[in-house]
Amino acid sequence: MEPLDGNAMAGVLQDLFARDMTTMGYECPGCRGTGVVAEMAVYMSGPGTVARCKDCDTILVMLTERHGMYCVDTPGMA
C-alpha cells in the first residue's frame, strides 16, 4: 500500500487541537531524523490511522475513532 503524506490527517488534527498541526515539527526516536507532520508517511487502512517516519518507518502517531471519540497515541513523538 502506498502511504499518503501527513496532510491526510490535517482535518482530524485540526478538529482535535484547534490549529494547523501539519507544520508541527518532530524528531524521530528511531533515526533521529527531523521533519514536520505534513512529511510523515500516513497509512489510513484498518481500524485507524498510522503515521510513520518518512525515513525509517518508526511509528510516530496512531489515531483511532470509535463512536465519535478519538484516541491519539504518540509513541514516537518527543
PDB file of N, CA and C in Angstrom:
ATOM      1  N   MET A   1       0.832  -1.173   0.000  1.00  0.00           N
ATOM      2  CA  MET A   1       0.000   0.000   0.000  1.00  0.00           C
ATOM      3  C   MET A   1       0.885   1.248   0.000  1.00  0.00           C
ATOM      4  N   GLU A   2       0.554   2.192  -0.842  1.00  0.00           N
ATOM      5  CA  GLU A   2       1.281   3.457  -0.911  1.00  0.00           C
ATOM      6  C   GLU A   2       0.837   4.378   0.222  1.00  0.00           C
ATOM      7  N   PRO A   3       1.784   4.954   0.942  1.00  0.00           N
ATOM      8  CA  PRO A   3       1.397   5.875   2.009  1.00  0.00           C
ATOM      9  C   PRO A   3       0.959   7.228   1.449  1.00  0.00           C
ATOM     10  N   LEU A   4       0.137   7.908   2.221  1.00  0.00           N
ATOM     11  CA  LEU A   4      -0.219   9.292   1.943  1.00  0.00           C
ATOM     12  C   LEU A   4       0.758  10.162   2.724  1.00  0.00           C
ATOM     13  N   ASP A   5       0.724  11.478   2.497  1.00  0.00           N
ATOM     14  CA  ASP A   5       1.554  12.336   3.338  1.00  0.00           C
ATOM     15  C   ASP A   5       0.739  12.791   4.546  1.00  0.00           C
ATOM     16  N   GLY A   6       1.387  13.451   5.472  1.00  0.00           N
ATOM     17  CA  GLY A   6       0.750  13.864   6.717  1.00  0.00           C
ATOM     18  C   GLY A   6      -0.437  14.782   6.551  1.00  0.00           C
ATOM     19  N   ASN A   7      -0.564  15.414   5.397  1.00  0.00           N
ATOM     20  CA  ASN A   7      -1.714  16.284   5.155  1.00  0.00           C
ATOM     21  C   ASN A   7      -3.021  15.499   5.167  1.00  0.00           C
ATOM     22  N   ALA A   8      -2.947  14.180   4.997  1.00  0.00           N
ATOM     23  CA  ALA A   8      -4.150  13.345   5.029  1.00  0.00           C
ATOM     24  C   ALA A   8      -4.808  13.365   6.408  1.00  0.00           C
ATOM     25  N   MET A   9      -4.037  13.683   7.446  1.00  0.00           N
ATOM     26  CA  MET A   9      -4.577  13.758   8.806  1.00  0.00           C
ATOM     27  C   MET A   9      -4.953  15.179   9.210  1.00  0.00           C
ATOM     28  N   ALA A  10      -4.753  16.141   8.330  1.00  0.00           N
ATOM     29  CA  ALA A  10      -4.898  17.559   8.680  1.00  0.00           C
ATOM     30  C   ALA A  10      -6.264  17.903   9.261  1.00  0.00           C
ATOM     31  N   GLY A  11      -7.328  17.429   8.648  1.00  0.00           N
ATOM     32  CA  GLY A  11      -8.672  17.776   9.107  1.00  0.00           C
ATOM     33  C   GLY A  11      -8.968  17.277  10.503  1.00  0.00           C
ATOM     34  N   VAL A  12      -8.647  16.020  10.761  1.00  0.00           N
ATOM     35  CA  VAL A  12      -8.900  15.444  12.085  1.00  0.00           C
ATOM     36  C   VAL A  12      -8.033  16.133  13.135  1.00  0.00           C
ATOM     37  N   LEU A  13      -6.766  16.346  12.828  1.00  0.00           N
ATOM     38  CA  LEU A  13      -5.883  17.009  13.785  1.00  0.00           C
ATOM     39  C   LEU A  13      -6.346  18.436  14.069  1.00  0.00           C
ATOM     40  N   GLN A  14      -6.823  19.126  13.039  1.00  0.00           N
ATOM     41  CA  GLN A  14      -7.360  20.486  13.222  1.00  0.00           C
ATOM     42  C   GLN A  14      -8.563  20.448  14.165  1.00  0.00           C
ATOM     43  N   ASP A  15      -9.442  19.476  13.980  1.00  0.00           N
ATOM     44  CA  ASP A  15     -10.616  19.346  14.852  1.00  0.00           C
ATOM     45  C   ASP A  15     -10.214  19.056  16.299  1.00  0.00           C
ATOM     46  N   LEU A  16      -9.210  18.229  16.491  1.00  0.00           N
ATOM     47  CA  LEU A  16      -8.809  17.834  17.838  1.00  0.00           C
ATOM     48  C   LEU A  16      -8.003  18.899  18.571  1.00  0.00           C
ATOM     49  N   PHE A  17      -7.118  19.587  17.854  1.00  0.00           N
ATOM     50  CA  PHE A  17      -6.201  20.523  18.504  1.00  0.00           C
ATOM     51  C   PHE A  17      -6.495  21.994  18.209  1.00  0.00           C
ATOM     52  N   ALA A  18      -7.514  22.251  17.384  1.00  0.00           N
ATOM     53  CA  ALA A  18      -7.950  23.618  17.055  1.00  0.00           C
ATOM     54  C   ALA A  18      -6.837  24.481  16.468  1.00  0.00           C
ATOM     55  N   ARG A  19      -5.944  23.852  15.731  1.00  0.00           N
ATOM     56  CA  ARG A  19      -4.905  24.583  14.997  1.00  0.00           C
ATOM     57  C   ARG A  19      -4.330  23.679  13.921  1.00  0.00           C
ATOM     58  N   ASP A  20      -3.614  24.281  13.000  1.00  0.00           N
ATOM     59  CA  ASP A  20      -2.981  23.513  11.929  1.00  0.00           C
ATOM     60  C   ASP A  20      -1.780  22.775  12.501  1.00  0.00           C
ATOM     61  N   MET A  21      -1.874  21.467  12.579  1.00  0.00           N
ATOM     62  CA  MET A  21      -0.800  20.656  13.154  1.00  0.00           C
ATOM     63  C   MET A  21       0.192  20.155  12.102  1.00  0.00           C
ATOM     64  N   THR A  22      -0.084  20.387  10.828  1.00  0.00           N
ATOM     65  CA  THR A  22       0.791  19.848   9.784  1.00  0.00           C
ATOM     66  C   THR A  22       2.163  20.506   9.774  1.00  0.00           C
ATOM     67  N   THR A  23       2.302  21.667  10.401  1.00  0.00           N
ATOM     68  CA  THR A  23       3.594  22.351  10.446  1.00  0.00           C
ATOM     69  C   THR A  23       4.354  22.074  11.746  1.00  0.00           C
ATOM     70  N   MET A  24       3.786  21.236  12.611  1.00  0.00           N
ATOM     71  CA  MET A  24       4.449  20.897  13.868  1.00  0.00           C
ATOM     72  C   MET A  24       5.663  20.013  13.588  1.00  0.00           C
ATOM     73  N   GLY A  25       6.775  20.345  14.192  1.00  0.00           N
ATOM     74  CA  GLY A  25       7.997  19.585  13.987  1.00  0.00           C
ATOM     75  C   GLY A  25       8.069  18.346  14.858  1.00  0.00           C
ATOM     76  N   TYR A  26       8.889  17.405  14.449  1.00  0.00           N
ATOM     77  CA  TYR A  26       9.128  16.194  15.236  1.00  0.00           C
ATOM     78  C   TYR A  26      10.565  15.746  15.051  1.00  0.00           C
ATOM     79  N   GLU A  27      11.046  14.962  16.006  1.00  0.00           N
ATOM     80  CA  GLU A  27      12.319  14.258  15.878  1.00  0.00           C
ATOM     81  C   GLU A  27      12.030  12.786  16.101  1.00  0.00           C
ATOM     82  N   CYS A  28      12.358  11.981  15.132  1.00  0.00           N
ATOM     83  CA  CYS A  28      12.089  10.549  15.209  1.00  0.00           C
ATOM     84  C   CYS A  28      13.028   9.897  16.222  1.00  0.00           C
ATOM     85  N   PRO A  29      12.479   9.099  17.146  1.00  0.00           N
ATOM     86  CA  PRO A  29      13.340   8.406  18.104  1.00  0.00           C
ATOM     87  C   PRO A  29      14.121   7.244  17.481  1.00  0.00           C
ATOM     88  N   GLY A  30      13.680   6.790  16.319  1.00  0.00           N
ATOM     89  CA  GLY A  30      14.350   5.670  15.665  1.00  0.00           C
ATOM     90  C   GLY A  30      15.624   6.060  14.939  1.00  0.00           C
ATOM     91  N   CYS A  31      15.540   7.124  14.155  1.00  0.00           N
ATOM     92  CA  CYS A  31      16.690   7.513  13.328  1.00  0.00           C
ATOM     93  C   CYS A  31      17.205   8.912  13.633  1.00  0.00           C
ATOM     94  N   ARG A  32      16.522   9.611  14.525  1.00  0.00           N
ATOM     95  CA  ARG A  32      16.850  10.989  14.891  1.00  0.00           C
ATOM     96  C   ARG A  32      16.640  11.977  13.748  1.00  0.00           C
ATOM     97  N   GLY A  33      15.949  11.528  12.702  1.00  0.00           N
ATOM     98  CA  GLY A  33      15.590  12.433  11.617  1.00  0.00           C
ATOM     99  C   GLY A  33      14.541  13.424  12.100  1.00  0.00           C
ATOM    100  N   THR A  34      14.490  14.566  11.459  1.00  0.00           N
ATOM    101  CA  THR A  34      13.509  15.582  11.827  1.00  0.00           C
ATOM    102  C   THR A  34      12.634  15.910  10.634  1.00  0.00           C
ATOM    103  N   GLY A  35      11.491  16.468  10.920  1.00  0.00           N
ATOM    104  CA  GLY A  35      10.573  16.866   9.862  1.00  0.00           C
ATOM    105  C   GLY A  35       9.346  17.503  10.469  1.00  0.00           C
ATOM    106  N   VAL A  36       8.329  17.666   9.660  1.00  0.00           N
ATOM    107  CA  VAL A  36       7.045  18.186  10.124  1.00  0.00           C
ATOM    108  C   VAL A  36       5.979  17.134   9.841  1.00  0.00           C
ATOM    109  N   VAL A  37       4.847  17.252  10.520  1.00  0.00           N
ATOM    110  CA  VAL A  37       3.767  16.274  10.393  1.00  0.00           C
ATOM    111  C   VAL A  37       3.374  16.065   8.932  1.00  0.00           C
ATOM    112  N   ALA A  38       3.361  17.120   8.142  1.00  0.00           N
ATOM    113  CA  ALA A  38       2.964  17.009   6.736  1.00  0.00           C
ATOM    114  C   ALA A  38       3.857  16.058   5.946  1.00  0.00           C
ATOM    115  N   GLU A  39       5.068  15.796   6.433  1.00  0.00           N
ATOM    116  CA  GLU A  39       6.009  14.927   5.723  1.00  0.00           C
ATOM    117  C   GLU A  39       5.945  13.463   6.162  1.00  0.00           C
ATOM    118  N   MET A  40       5.188  13.164   7.200  1.00  0.00           N
ATOM    119  CA  MET A  40       5.095  11.781   7.677  1.00  0.00           C
ATOM    120  C   MET A  40       4.437  10.889   6.629  1.00  0.00           C
ATOM    121  N   ALA A  41       4.750   9.607   6.675  1.00  0.00           N
ATOM    122  CA  ALA A  41       4.106   8.617   5.802  1.00  0.00           C
ATOM    123  C   ALA A  41       2.870   8.105   6.534  1.00  0.00           C
ATOM    124  N   VAL A  42       1.686   8.343   5.971  1.00  0.00           N
ATOM    125  CA  VAL A  42       0.425   8.037   6.647  1.00  0.00           C
ATOM    126  C   VAL A  42      -0.291   6.883   5.959  1.00  0.00           C
ATOM    127  N   TYR A  43      -0.731   5.928   6.770  1.00  0.00           N
ATOM    128  CA  TYR A  43      -1.499   4.779   6.293  1.00  0.00           C
ATOM    129  C   TYR A  43      -2.878   4.842   6.942  1.00  0.00           C
ATOM    130  N   MET A  44      -3.931   4.827   6.107  1.00  0.00           N
ATOM    131  CA  MET A  44      -5.282   5.023   6.618  1.00  0.00           C
ATOM    132  C   MET A  44      -6.175   3.800   6.428  1.00  0.00           C
ATOM    133  N   SER A  45      -5.606   2.622   6.331  1.00  0.00           N
ATOM    134  CA  SER A  45      -6.428   1.414   6.228  1.00  0.00           C
ATOM    135  C   SER A  45      -6.523   0.772   7.603  1.00  0.00           C
ATOM    136  N   GLY A  46      -7.408  -0.173   7.739  1.00  0.00           N
ATOM    137  CA  GLY A  46      -7.558  -0.831   9.029  1.00  0.00           C
ATOM    138  C   GLY A  46      -8.395  -0.001   9.988  1.00  0.00           C
ATOM    139  N   PRO A  47      -8.264  -0.287  11.261  1.00  0.00           N
ATOM    140  CA  PRO A  47      -9.127   0.363  12.244  1.00  0.00           C
ATOM    141  C   PRO A  47      -8.743   1.796  12.583  1.00  0.00           C
ATOM    142  N   GLY A  48      -7.633   2.280  12.069  1.00  0.00           N
ATOM    143  CA  GLY A  48      -7.215   3.638  12.404  1.00  0.00           C
ATOM    144  C   GLY A  48      -6.189   4.163  11.429  1.00  0.00           C
ATOM    145  N   THR A  49      -5.585   5.261  11.814  1.00  0.00           N
ATOM    146  CA  THR A  49      -4.571   5.920  11.004  1.00  0.00           C
ATOM    147  C   THR A  49      -3.228   5.785  11.708  1.00  0.00           C
ATOM    148  N   VAL A  50      -2.200   5.436  10.947  1.00  0.00           N
ATOM    149  CA  VAL A  50      -0.850   5.310  11.486  1.00  0.00           C
ATOM    150  C   VAL A  50       0.064   6.230  10.689  1.00  0.00           C
ATOM    151  N   ALA A  51       0.824   7.058  11.409  1.00  0.00           N
ATOM    152  CA  ALA A  51       1.804   7.937  10.769  1.00  0.00           C
ATOM    153  C   ALA A  51       3.195   7.462  11.163  1.00  0.00           C
ATOM    154  N   ARG A  52       4.035   7.277  10.157  1.00  0.00           N
ATOM    155  CA  ARG A  52       5.383   6.754  10.377  1.00  0.00           C
ATOM    156  C   ARG A  52       6.435   7.748   9.895  1.00  0.00           C
ATOM    157  N   CYS A  53       7.632   7.599  10.421  1.00  0.00           N
ATOM    158  CA  CYS A  53       8.759   8.405   9.966  1.00  0.00           C
ATOM    159  C   CYS A  53       8.979   8.124   8.483  1.00  0.00           C
ATOM    160  N   LYS A  54       9.167   9.165   7.712  1.00  0.00           N
ATOM    161  CA  LYS A  54       9.360   9.007   6.271  1.00  0.00           C
ATOM    162  C   LYS A  54      10.707   8.362   5.943  1.00  0.00           C
ATOM    163  N   ASP A  55      11.640   8.393   6.896  1.00  0.00           N
ATOM    164  CA  ASP A  55      12.977   7.864   6.637  1.00  0.00           C
ATOM    165  C   ASP A  55      13.188   6.431   7.133  1.00  0.00           C
ATOM    166  N   CYS A  56      12.645   6.093   8.321  1.00  0.00           N
ATOM    167  CA  CYS A  56      12.952   4.770   8.890  1.00  0.00           C
ATOM    168  C   CYS A  56      11.720   3.937   9.240  1.00  0.00           C
ATOM    169  N   ASP A  57      10.526   4.468   9.039  1.00  0.00           N
ATOM    170  CA  ASP A  57       9.279   3.724   9.252  1.00  0.00           C
ATOM    171  C   ASP A  57       8.879   3.540  10.719  1.00  0.00           C
ATOM    172  N   THR A  58       9.528   4.226  11.645  1.00  0.00           N
ATOM    173  CA  THR A  58       9.131   4.172  13.052  1.00  0.00           C
ATOM    174  C   THR A  58       7.733   4.765  13.206  1.00  0.00           C
ATOM    175  N   ILE A  59       6.876   4.124  13.999  1.00  0.00           N
ATOM    176  CA  ILE A  59       5.536   4.664  14.240  1.00  0.00           C
ATOM    177  C   ILE A  59       5.648   5.900  15.125  1.00  0.00           C
ATOM    178  N   LEU A  60       5.093   7.012  14.641  1.00  0.00           N
ATOM    179  CA  LEU A  60       5.126   8.270  15.379  1.00  0.00           C
ATOM    180  C   LEU A  60       3.772   8.632  15.975  1.00  0.00           C
ATOM    181  N   VAL A  61       2.694   8.361  15.232  1.00  0.00           N
ATOM    182  CA  VAL A  61       1.345   8.713  15.685  1.00  0.00           C
ATOM    183  C   VAL A  61       0.376   7.604  15.290  1.00  0.00           C
ATOM    184  N   MET A  62      -0.508   7.250  16.220  1.00  0.00           N
ATOM    185  CA  MET A  62      -1.624   6.356  15.913  1.00  0.00           C
ATOM    186  C   MET A  62      -2.901   7.084  16.310  1.00  0.00           C
ATOM    187  N   LEU A  63      -3.876   7.076  15.420  1.00  0.00           N
ATOM    188  CA  LEU A  63      -5.120   7.811  15.634  1.00  0.00           C
ATOM    189  C   LEU A  63      -6.290   6.893  15.320  1.00  0.00           C
ATOM    190  N   THR A  64      -7.172   6.704  16.293  1.00  0.00           N
ATOM    191  CA  THR A  64      -8.362   5.886  16.068  1.00  0.00           C
ATOM    192  C   THR A  64      -9.596   6.646  16.534  1.00  0.00           C
ATOM    193  N   GLU A  65     -10.726   6.317  15.917  1.00  0.00           N
ATOM    194  CA  GLU A  65     -12.004   6.942  16.269  1.00  0.00           C
ATOM    195  C   GLU A  65     -13.027   5.842  16.461  1.00  0.00           C
ATOM    196  N   ARG A  66     -13.787   5.958  17.528  1.00  0.00           N
ATOM    197  CA  ARG A  66     -14.852   4.988  17.791  1.00  0.00           C
ATOM    198  C   ARG A  66     -15.990   5.712  18.494  1.00  0.00           C
ATOM    199  N   HIS A  67     -17.154   5.617  17.891  1.00  0.00           N
ATOM    200  CA  HIS A  67     -18.355   6.237  18.454  1.00  0.00           C
ATOM    201  C   HIS A  67     -18.150   7.729  18.733  1.00  0.00           C
ATOM    202  N   GLY A  68     -17.457   8.407  17.830  1.00  0.00           N
ATOM    203  CA  GLY A  68     -17.269   9.849  17.961  1.00  0.00           C
ATOM    204  C   GLY A  68     -16.180  10.276  18.924  1.00  0.00           C
ATOM    205  N   MET A  69     -15.475   9.328  19.510  1.00  0.00           N
ATOM    206  CA  MET A  69     -14.378   9.660  20.421  1.00  0.00           C
ATOM    207  C   MET A  69     -13.059   9.268  19.764  1.00  0.00           C
ATOM    208  N   TYR A  70     -12.064  10.121  19.921  1.00  0.00           N
ATOM    209  CA  TYR A  70     -10.761   9.874  19.319  1.00  0.00           C
ATOM    210  C   TYR A  70      -9.743   9.467  20.375  1.00  0.00           C
ATOM    211  N   CYS A  71      -8.850   8.596  19.980  1.00  0.00           N
ATOM    212  CA  CYS A  71      -7.701   8.227  20.795  1.00  0.00           C
ATOM    213  C   CYS A  71      -6.461   8.549  19.968  1.00  0.00           C
ATOM    214  N   VAL A  72      -5.606   9.384  20.506  1.00  0.00           N
ATOM    215  CA  VAL A  72      -4.370   9.759  19.827  1.00  0.00           C
ATOM    216  C   VAL A  72      -3.214   9.237  20.670  1.00  0.00           C
ATOM    217  N   ASP A  73      -2.394   8.392  20.075  1.00  0.00           N
ATOM    218  CA  ASP A  73      -1.221   7.846  20.749  1.00  0.00           C
ATOM    219  C   ASP A  73       0.001   8.310  19.976  1.00  0.00           C
ATOM    220  N   THR A  74       0.964   8.850  20.675  1.00  0.00           N
ATOM    221  CA  THR A  74       2.160   9.374  20.015  1.00  0.00           C
ATOM    222  C   THR A  74       3.413   8.689  20.572  1.00  0.00           C
ATOM    223  N   PRO A  75       3.569   7.394  20.310  1.00  0.00           N
ATOM    224  CA  PRO A  75       4.694   6.665  20.892  1.00  0.00           C
ATOM    225  C   PRO A  75       6.053   7.131  20.388  1.00  0.00           C
ATOM    226  N   GLY A  76       6.087   7.737  19.228  1.00  0.00           N
ATOM    227  CA  GLY A  76       7.362   8.133  18.666  1.00  0.00           C
ATOM    228  C   GLY A  76       7.624   9.620  18.673  1.00  0.00           C
ATOM    229  N   MET A  77       6.815  10.369  19.370  1.00  0.00           N
ATOM    230  CA  MET A  77       6.998  11.827  19.384  1.00  0.00           C
ATOM    231  C   MET A  77       7.558  12.247  20.735  1.00  0.00           C
ATOM    232  N   ALA A  78       8.549  13.110  20.692  1.00  0.00           N
ATOM    233  CA  ALA A  78       9.136  13.623  21.944  1.00  0.00           C
ATOM    234  C   ALA A  78       8.635  15.023  22.210  1.00  0.00           C
TER     235      ALA A  78
END
